[in-house]
Protein backbone atom coordinates (compact mmCIF):
# COMPACT_ATOMS: atom_id res chain seq x y z
CA MET A 1 -44.15 6.52 -14.48
CA GLY A 2 -47.92 7.72 -14.24
CA SER A 3 -48.75 11.34 -13.95
CA TRP A 4 -47.88 13.73 -11.15
CA GLN A 5 -49.54 16.65 -13.03
CA TRP A 6 -52.73 16.46 -10.00
CA ALA A 7 -49.96 17.55 -7.85
CA VAL A 8 -47.50 20.11 -9.28
CA PRO A 9 -49.06 22.97 -10.97
CA ALA A 10 -47.94 24.53 -14.52
CA ILE A 11 -46.65 27.44 -12.79
CA PRO A 12 -43.91 27.29 -10.43
CA VAL A 13 -44.58 28.01 -6.81
CA ILE A 14 -41.36 28.35 -5.55
CA PRO A 15 -40.04 30.96 -8.19
CA ALA A 16 -36.17 30.66 -8.68
CA THR A 17 -35.84 34.22 -7.71
CA GLY A 18 -37.62 34.06 -4.25
CA ALA A 19 -36.10 34.11 -0.83
CA ASP A 20 -35.49 30.08 -1.12
CA PRO A 21 -35.45 28.40 -4.11
CA ASP A 22 -33.85 25.48 -2.69
CA PRO A 23 -37.43 23.34 -2.29
CA GLY A 24 -37.93 24.54 -5.95
CA ARG A 25 -34.50 22.60 -7.11
CA ARG A 26 -34.80 19.55 -5.00
CA PHE A 27 -38.82 19.15 -5.45
CA PRO A 28 -38.19 17.43 -9.34
CA ALA A 29 -35.38 15.11 -8.26
CA PHE A 30 -37.81 13.86 -4.56
CA LEU A 31 -40.91 12.72 -7.39
CA PRO A 32 -39.14 9.69 -9.14
CA SER A 33 -37.73 7.82 -6.33
CA PRO A 34 -38.31 5.19 -5.48
CA ASP A 35 -41.02 5.46 -2.60
CA GLU A 36 -42.61 8.38 -4.55
CA VAL A 37 -43.17 6.07 -7.81
CA VAL A 38 -44.12 2.95 -5.82
CA CYS A 39 -46.72 5.08 -3.97
CA MET A 40 -48.33 7.09 -7.29
CA THR A 41 -48.51 3.32 -8.97
CA ASP A 42 -50.52 1.96 -5.93
CA VAL A 43 -52.66 4.67 -6.34
CA ASN A 44 -53.33 4.52 -10.30
CA ARG A 45 -52.45 0.70 -10.22
CA ALA A 46 -49.96 1.32 -13.20
CA ILE A 47 -46.64 -0.86 -13.72
CA PRO A 48 -43.76 0.82 -11.82
CA ALA A 49 -41.62 2.56 -14.67
CA THR A 50 -37.95 2.84 -13.04
CA GLY A 51 -35.59 -0.09 -12.02
CA PRO A 52 -35.51 0.54 -8.64
CA ALA A 53 -39.69 1.06 -7.87
CA LEU A 54 -40.31 -2.22 -10.08
CA ASP A 55 -37.47 -4.09 -8.28
CA ARG A 56 -39.79 -3.00 -4.97
CA ALA A 57 -43.45 -3.93 -6.73
CA VAL A 58 -41.70 -7.61 -7.93
CA GLU A 59 -40.58 -8.03 -4.21
CA ALA A 60 -43.70 -7.48 -2.87
CA ILE A 61 -45.48 -9.53 -5.18
CA ASP A 62 -43.12 -12.21 -4.56
CA GLN A 63 -43.93 -12.07 -1.07
CA ASP A 64 -47.34 -12.09 -1.46
CA LEU A 65 -47.14 -15.11 -3.20
CA ALA A 66 -45.44 -16.75 -1.00
CA ASP A 67 -47.58 -15.80 1.83
CA HIS A 68 -50.01 -17.47 0.30
CA GLN A 69 -48.38 -20.90 -1.04
CA TYR A 70 -47.73 -19.61 -4.43
CA TYR A 71 -51.42 -18.89 -4.82
CA PRO A 72 -53.25 -15.32 -5.88
CA PRO A 73 -54.94 -14.38 -2.26
CA THR A 74 -58.89 -14.41 -3.18
CA GLY A 75 -61.56 -12.10 -1.91
CA ARG A 76 -59.86 -9.02 -2.89
């Protein structure tokens, strides 16, 4: 799935004993969402490692090929 190490420090930013620990609990669930996996793999050019994100990548590739009469676009 790639790496979010550049975005998430080793020490939690929001401690569980803080005034509002809920964002810290929700953040790990946010990272593997299809939108975030697609965003991450667009940047690192990896193959999406979750089923929903891979499905979206396949749809985008199929649409791109259909837009170009099933030939890869040139000049990119």
